Amino acid sequence: MKAVKQFEVLEEGCCKLTLSAKKEYDPYMLSLIEREASALLCRSKGASTTIFYYDNCEHLPLLTLLSKYEFTEKEACACLERLFEESDRLANEYPLLLRFDSIYYDPLRQSFAFVLLPIHERVLEHDWNGLLAEIIAHINVRKAAFYGFLCSMQKQEHMTASQIVKQFRVWQLQHTLWRQLSLWFAGVRNQRMRKKQNEQRLQEELIRLRFIHRSSNHEAHFNNKSQRQTSDTVVLFAEHGSCLSDLKGNRYSLQSETHIGRNKNNDIVIDHATVSSYHAVIKQTTEGMKLIDLGSSNGTKLNNKKLNKQQEIVLKNGDTILFADSCWRFEEET
């Protein structure tokens, strides 16, 4: 890069560029630089043809951006891809001063700005590997895996900017696909869990409503008992004298529909860890009292024979029922 004699960053918020004595700037090239959005604002010093100043007071140096900002892997990949893509575009159109201290970042537009040379000759050779090495030395990424990716890419000799951009895009695609798969699997697990929770809530609400409905029906039944006894209506399901008794001798009368489980909304509450919230139900039918398992976790056994879910079995006097590990006896008064 013989056209550049000296380049320094001044404290006044600008960069000073001195061209070699034999180089004269091209006014047309300077006008193009002034209109280029990705270039720092360039001004010549009076009548001098070798010294130029680039305004960088509204920009952050690349070193500050990489070292002060804590990137995620995805943010770092997108940022560096944009940096090399933009610098490659400019290098194909303008003489570009490709140095680590001549690249800046515009926070307002979230884009990079570069020092472009106001000469007509194009700088055809750039040290992209050297620029990548400087970036690796200063970038602040949360995960070390991305450093390994950058170092493996930097070891490849004679890399061009377009090749670097392509590798960034491949890595970003792979990272995005893996992230999408992870989110998909997590979403499937969460969806199944939500479905199971919703089904349980609906079942609990349904049984709660049934319990309230049964309670109101039984209250109306006892209030109108004398009327039903004198009525000419045929009673299909009269009050039955059946009951369940536990090992302690406690007896619980069975209704036309008796729900059994650990939840307090049941007609018979069994406070046992192995018993499901809504374990089973005993219904009065024309065939007699039937035992039905409601899909309990640990199952229901009748005379040591396990019931299938929703299987209906007619009970007989003296039958032994196991609600999980809780033992009960069915008694029927004649």
Protein backbone atom coordinates (compact mmCIF):
# COMPACT_ATOMS: atom_id res chain seq x y z
CA MET A 1 0.00 0.00 0.00
CA LYS A 2 2.58 2.55 -1.18
CA ALA A 3 -0.03 5.29 -1.67
CA VAL A 4 -0.38 5.69 2.11
CA LYS A 5 2.56 7.36 3.82
CA GLN A 6 1.06 7.80 7.31
CA PHE A 7 -2.22 7.16 9.11
CA GLU A 8 -2.95 8.24 12.67
CA VAL A 9 -5.97 8.71 14.91
CA LEU A 10 -6.10 12.18 16.47
CA GLU A 11 -7.75 13.16 19.74
CA GLU A 12 -9.86 15.79 18.01
CA GLY A 13 -12.29 13.13 16.77
CA CYS A 14 -10.73 12.57 13.38
CA CYS A 15 -8.18 10.48 11.51
CA LYS A 16 -5.23 12.01 9.62
CA LEU A 17 -4.18 10.36 6.37
CA THR A 18 -1.02 11.38 4.53
CA LEU A 19 -0.44 10.12 0.99
CA SER A 20 2.99 9.60 -0.50
CA ALA A 21 4.53 12.71 -2.10
CA LYS A 22 4.06 11.45 -5.64
CA LYS A 23 0.39 10.64 -5.15
CA GLU A 24 -2.25 13.20 -5.97
CA TYR A 25 -5.87 12.69 -5.06
CA ASP A 26 -8.68 12.45 -7.56
CA PRO A 27 -11.43 15.10 -6.96
CA TYR A 28 -13.99 12.81 -8.54
CA MET A 29 -13.03 9.98 -6.19
CA LEU A 30 -13.30 12.40 -3.25
CA SER A 31 -16.84 13.36 -4.33
CA LEU A 32 -17.79 9.68 -4.46
CA ILE A 33 -16.42 9.12 -0.96
CA GLU A 34 -18.50 12.02 0.39
CA ARG A 35 -21.67 10.37 -0.92
CA GLU A 36 -20.82 6.85 0.28
CA ALA A 37 -22.82 5.97 3.39
CA SER A 38 -20.22 3.44 4.55
CA ALA A 39 -17.31 5.90 4.43
CA LEU A 40 -16.14 8.33 7.10
CA LEU A 41 -16.60 11.95 6.08
CA CYS A 42 -13.42 12.97 4.24
CA ARG A 43 -12.02 16.53 3.84
CA SER A 44 -8.74 17.77 2.36
CA LYS A 45 -6.55 20.27 4.21
CA GLY A 46 -6.61 23.50 2.21
CA ALA A 47 -4.46 23.38 -0.89
CA SER A 48 -2.58 20.31 0.23
CA THR A 49 -2.91 17.29 -2.02
CA THR A 50 -1.44 14.75 0.39
CA ILE A 51 -3.14 15.26 3.78
CA PHE A 52 -6.81 14.35 4.46
CA TYR A 53 -8.95 14.26 7.58
CA TYR A 54 -11.76 11.79 8.27
CA ASP A 55 -14.43 12.73 10.80
CA ASN A 56 -15.02 9.89 13.28
CA CYS A 57 -16.49 11.77 16.27
CA GLU A 58 -19.93 10.10 15.91
CA HIS A 59 -18.49 6.61 15.55
CA LEU A 60 -17.07 3.95 17.84
CA PRO A 61 -13.69 2.39 16.99
CA LEU A 62 -13.94 -1.29 16.08
CA LEU A 63 -11.64 -2.09 19.01
CA THR A 64 -14.07 -0.46 21.46
CA LEU A 65 -17.07 -2.26 19.98
CA LEU A 66 -15.46 -5.72 20.13
CA SER A 67 -13.89 -5.41 23.58
CA LYS A 68 -16.61 -3.51 25.48
CA TYR A 69 -19.74 -5.17 24.11
CA GLU A 70 -20.47 -8.71 25.36
CA PHE A 71 -21.74 -10.67 22.36
CA THR A 72 -23.71 -13.88 22.22
CA GLU A 73 -22.53 -16.35 19.58
CA LYS A 74 -25.39 -15.43 17.27
CA GLU A 75 -24.79 -11.67 17.70
CA ALA A 76 -21.04 -12.02 17.12
CA CYS A 77 -21.55 -14.08 13.96
CA ALA A 78 -24.07 -11.61 12.51
CA CYS A 79 -21.87 -8.62 13.39
CA LEU A 80 -18.69 -10.03 11.82
CA GLU A 81 -20.57 -11.27 8.77
CA ARG A 82 -21.87 -7.73 8.18
CA LEU A 83 -18.37 -6.28 8.75
CA PHE A 84 -16.61 -8.51 6.19
CA GLU A 85 -19.49 -8.31 3.72
CA GLU A 86 -19.47 -4.50 3.75
CA SER A 87 -15.68 -4.23 3.59
CA ASP A 88 -15.59 -6.69 0.67
CA ARG A 89 -18.17 -4.61 -1.22
CA LEU A 90 -16.20 -1.40 -0.69
CA ALA A 91 -12.87 -3.01 -1.62
CA ASN A 92 -14.35 -3.93 -5.01
CA GLU A 93 -15.47 -0.34 -5.69
CA TYR A 94 -13.03 2.00 -3.87
CA PRO A 95 -9.41 2.07 -2.70
CA LEU A 96 -9.98 0.86 0.88
CA LEU A 97 -7.57 1.37 3.79
CA LEU A 98 -8.04 -2.00 5.46
CA ARG A 99 -6.59 -1.62 8.94
CA PHE A 100 -7.98 -2.59 12.32
CA ASP A 101 -7.77 1.02 13.58
CA SER A 102 -9.38 2.46 10.41
CA ILE A 103 -12.74 0.66 10.83
CA TYR A 104 -15.54 2.28 12.87
CA TYR A 105 -19.09 1.52 13.92
CA ASP A 106 -22.07 3.86 13.67
CA PRO A 107 -24.41 3.12 16.64
CA LEU A 108 -27.28 5.17 15.18
CA ARG A 109 -27.43 3.31 11.87
CA GLN A 110 -25.97 0.10 13.34
CA SER A 111 -23.56 -0.18 10.43
CA PHE A 112 -19.81 -0.01 9.84
CA ALA A 113 -17.86 2.91 8.38
CA PHE A 114 -14.44 2.73 6.69
CA VAL A 115 -11.58 4.96 5.61
CA LEU A 116 -11.65 5.18 1.80
CA LEU A 117 -8.69 6.58 -0.11
CA PRO A 118 -9.29 9.64 -2.35
CA ILE A 119 -7.12 8.24 -5.13
CA HIS A 120 -8.12 6.56 -8.36
CA GLU A 121 -5.86 3.51 -7.96
CA ARG A 122 -7.38 0.47 -6.31
CA VAL A 123 -5.70 -1.50 -3.61
CA LEU A 124 -6.12 -5.04 -4.85
CA GLU A 125 -4.47 -6.98 -2.04
CA HIS A 126 -5.79 -7.01 1.53
CA ASP A 127 -4.71 -9.00 4.57
CA TRP A 128 -8.10 -10.49 5.53
CA ASN A 129 -6.42 -13.13 7.72
CA GLY A 130 -4.59 -10.40 9.62
CA LEU A 131 -7.84 -8.50 10.19
CA LEU A 132 -9.49 -11.71 11.40
CA ALA A 133 -6.58 -12.33 13.80
CA GLU A 134 -7.01 -8.82 15.28
CA ILE A 135 -10.74 -9.46 15.73
CA ILE A 136 -10.09 -12.77 17.51
CA ALA A 137 -7.67 -11.05 19.88
CA HIS A 138 -10.21 -8.42 20.97
CA ILE A 139 -13.74 -9.77 20.56
CA ASN A 140 -15.73 -10.46 23.73
CA VAL A 141 -18.00 -13.51 23.23
CA ARG A 142 -19.83 -15.33 26.03
CA LYS A 143 -19.09 -18.87 24.78
CA ALA A 144 -15.64 -20.21 23.94
CA ALA A 145 -17.02 -22.44 21.16
CA PHE A 146 -17.26 -19.45 18.81
CA TYR A 147 -13.59 -18.63 19.45
CA GLY A 148 -12.70 -22.11 18.22
CA PHE A 149 -14.69 -21.53 15.04
CA LEU A 150 -12.89 -18.20 14.42
CA CYS A 151 -9.45 -19.69 15.08
CA SER A 152 -10.07 -22.64 12.74
CA MET A 153 -11.12 -20.20 10.02
CA GLN A 154 -8.12 -17.93 10.64
CA LYS A 155 -5.71 -20.85 10.18
CA GLN A 156 -6.83 -21.21 6.55
CA GLU A 157 -4.34 -19.31 4.39
CA HIS A 158 -5.16 -16.71 1.75
CA MET A 159 -8.77 -16.30 2.80
CA THR A 160 -10.86 -13.77 0.89
CA ALA A 161 -13.61 -11.67 2.43
CA SER A 162 -16.31 -13.48 0.44
CA GLN A 163 -15.02 -16.86 1.72
CA ILE A 164 -15.09 -15.59 5.30
CA VAL A 165 -18.64 -14.29 4.85
CA LYS A 166 -19.70 -17.65 3.40
CA GLN A 167 -18.33 -19.53 6.42
CA PHE A 168 -20.10 -17.16 8.80
CA ARG A 169 -23.37 -17.83 6.98
CA VAL A 170 -22.87 -21.60 7.11
CA TRP A 171 -22.13 -21.47 10.84
CA GLN A 172 -25.14 -19.24 11.45
CA LEU A 173 -27.40 -21.58 9.47
CA GLN A 174 -26.19 -24.62 11.43
CA HIS A 175 -26.53 -22.74 14.72
CA THR A 176 -30.05 -21.58 13.80
CA LEU A 177 -31.16 -25.08 12.78
CA TRP A 178 -29.81 -26.57 16.02
CA ARG A 179 -31.52 -23.84 18.03
CA GLN A 180 -34.79 -24.40 16.17
CA LEU A 181 -34.58 -28.15 16.81
CA SER A 182 -33.88 -27.54 20.51
CA LEU A 183 -36.80 -25.13 20.75
CA TRP A 184 -39.01 -27.58 18.85
CA PHE A 185 -38.20 -30.46 21.21
CA ALA A 186 -38.70 -28.19 24.22
CA GLY A 187 -41.99 -26.99 22.73
CA VAL A 188 -43.18 -30.58 22.22
CA ARG A 189 -42.35 -31.44 25.82
CA ASN A 190 -44.09 -28.31 27.10
CA GLN A 191 -47.09 -28.97 24.86
CA ARG A 192 -47.47 -32.51 26.19
CA MET A 193 -47.12 -31.28 29.75
CA ARG A 194 -49.68 -28.53 29.19
CA LYS A 195 -52.05 -31.01 27.55
CA LYS A 196 -51.76 -33.39 30.50
CA GLN A 197 -52.26 -30.56 32.99
CA ASN A 198 -55.27 -29.24 31.07
CA GLU A 199 -56.83 -32.69 30.92
CA GLN A 200 -56.33 -33.12 34.65
CA ARG A 201 -57.84 -29.69 35.37
CA LEU A 202 -60.84 -30.46 33.16
CA GLN A 203 -61.33 -33.83 34.83
CA GLU A 204 -61.12 -32.29 38.29
CA GLU A 205 -63.55 -29.55 37.30
CA LEU A 206 -65.96 -32.09 35.79
CA ILE A 207 -65.89 -34.22 38.91
CA ARG A 208 -66.31 -31.12 41.08
CA LEU A 209 -69.39 -30.14 39.11
CA ARG A 210 -70.72 -33.70 39.34
CA PHE A 211 -70.15 -33.67 43.09
CA ILE A 212 -72.08 -30.39 43.49
CA HIS A 213 -74.86 -31.72 41.28
CA ARG A 214 -75.07 -34.98 43.22
CA SER A 215 -75.11 -33.13 46.56
CA SER A 216 -77.99 -30.93 45.46
CA ASN A 217 -79.87 -33.96 44.13
CA HIS A 218 -79.41 -35.88 47.39
CA GLU A 219 -80.56 -32.88 49.43
CA ALA A 220 -83.68 -32.58 47.29
CA HIS A 221 -84.14 -36.34 47.60
CA PHE A 222 -84.18 -36.30 51.41
CA ASN A 223 -86.41 -33.22 51.53
CA ASN A 224 -89.00 -34.91 49.30
CA LYS A 225 -88.69 -38.42 50.75
CA SER A 226 -92.28 -38.61 52.02
CA GLN A 227 -93.61 -37.34 48.70
CA ARG A 228 -91.66 -40.01 46.76
CA GLN A 229 -92.95 -42.76 49.06
CA THR A 230 -96.60 -41.82 48.35
CA SER A 231 -96.05 -41.17 44.66
CA ASP A 232 -97.31 -43.52 41.95
CA THR A 233 -93.99 -43.03 40.06
CA VAL A 234 -91.89 -46.18 39.63
CA VAL A 235 -88.47 -45.67 41.26
CA LEU A 236 -85.79 -47.30 39.10
CA PHE A 237 -82.85 -46.55 41.40
CA ALA A 238 -84.00 -46.58 45.00
CA GLU A 239 -81.70 -45.99 47.96
CA HIS A 240 -79.50 -49.03 48.36
CA GLY A 241 -78.29 -50.54 51.62
CA SER A 242 -74.77 -51.27 50.35
CA CYS A 243 -71.63 -49.90 51.98
CA LEU A 244 -67.83 -50.03 51.99
CA SER A 245 -65.86 -50.78 55.13
CA ASP A 246 -62.13 -50.34 55.70
CA LEU A 247 -59.78 -52.41 57.85
CA LYS A 248 -60.52 -50.24 60.90
CA GLY A 249 -64.21 -51.12 60.73
CA ASN A 250 -65.39 -47.75 59.45
CA ARG A 251 -68.47 -48.10 57.24
CA TYR A 252 -69.41 -45.73 54.42
CA SER A 253 -72.85 -45.92 52.81
CA LEU A 254 -72.92 -46.06 49.03
CA GLN A 255 -75.10 -43.72 47.01
CA SER A 256 -76.44 -44.21 43.51
CA GLU A 257 -73.02 -42.92 42.35
CA THR A 258 -70.13 -42.83 44.81
CA HIS A 259 -66.75 -41.37 43.82
CA ILE A 260 -63.64 -42.59 45.62
CA GLY A 261 -60.18 -41.01 45.70
CA ARG A 262 -57.65 -38.84 47.50
CA ASN A 263 -59.21 -35.49 46.51
CA LYS A 264 -61.55 -33.93 49.09
CA ASN A 265 -64.31 -33.55 46.50
CA ASN A 266 -64.87 -37.33 46.46
CA ASP A 267 -67.71 -38.99 48.35
CA ILE A 268 -65.26 -41.34 50.06
CA VAL A 269 -61.86 -39.73 50.65
CA ILE A 270 -58.89 -42.09 51.04
CA ASP A 271 -55.88 -40.21 52.38
CA HIS A 272 -53.22 -42.54 50.98
CA ALA A 273 -50.23 -41.61 48.79
CA THR A 274 -50.78 -44.44 46.30
CA VAL A 275 -54.44 -43.56 45.72
CA SER A 276 -55.17 -41.26 42.77
CA SER A 277 -57.04 -37.99 43.19
CA TYR A 278 -60.08 -39.51 41.46
CA HIS A 279 -59.43 -43.21 41.68
CA ALA A 280 -62.70 -45.09 41.08
CA VAL A 281 -66.48 -44.88 41.16
CA ILE A 282 -69.23 -47.26 42.29
CA LYS A 283 -72.52 -46.88 40.43
CA GLN A 284 -75.94 -48.39 41.07
CA THR A 285 -77.38 -50.03 37.95
CA THR A 286 -80.21 -52.42 37.13
CA GLU A 287 -77.65 -55.24 37.37
CA GLY A 288 -76.45 -54.14 40.78
CA MET A 289 -73.59 -52.04 42.18
CA LYS A 290 -70.78 -51.74 39.63
CA LEU A 291 -67.14 -50.86 40.33
CA ILE A 292 -65.33 -48.75 37.67
CA ASP A 293 -61.65 -47.71 37.70
CA LEU A 294 -61.22 -44.09 36.48
CA GLY A 295 -57.75 -44.62 34.98
CA SER A 296 -55.92 -44.50 38.30
CA SER A 297 -52.12 -44.55 38.40
CA ASN A 298 -51.73 -47.63 40.62
CA GLY A 299 -54.89 -49.46 39.56
CA THR A 300 -57.85 -51.11 41.28
CA LYS A 301 -58.15 -54.80 42.20
CA LEU A 302 -61.30 -56.80 42.90
CA ASN A 303 -60.63 -60.02 44.82
CA ASN A 304 -56.93 -59.65 43.89
CA LYS A 305 -57.76 -59.34 40.16
CA LYS A 306 -56.76 -56.05 38.55
CA LEU A 307 -59.43 -54.09 36.66
CA ASN A 308 -58.80 -52.52 33.29
CA LYS A 309 -59.40 -48.79 32.93
CA GLN A 310 -63.11 -47.99 32.64
CA GLN A 311 -63.93 -51.70 33.09
CA GLU A 312 -67.27 -52.24 34.88
CA ILE A 313 -67.56 -55.14 37.35
CA VAL A 314 -70.70 -56.04 39.34
CA LEU A 315 -69.93 -56.26 43.07
CA LYS A 316 -71.04 -59.09 45.31
CA ASN A 317 -71.44 -59.18 49.05
CA GLY A 318 -68.09 -59.77 50.76
CA ASP A 319 -65.92 -58.71 47.78
CA THR A 320 -62.46 -57.37 48.67
CA ILE A 321 -61.42 -54.20 46.85
CA LEU A 322 -57.90 -52.77 46.68
CA PHE A 323 -57.71 -49.08 45.72
CA ALA A 324 -53.94 -49.15 45.03
CA ASP A 325 -52.62 -50.22 48.49
CA SER A 326 -55.78 -49.33 50.43
CA CYS A 327 -57.90 -52.40 51.28
CA TRP A 328 -61.73 -52.21 51.52
CA ARG A 329 -64.67 -54.65 51.76
CA PHE A 330 -67.99 -54.39 49.94
CA GLU A 331 -71.06 -55.26 52.04
CA GLU A 332 -74.59 -55.51 50.73
CA GLU A 333 -77.59 -55.56 53.07
CA THR A 334 -80.39 -57.90 52.11
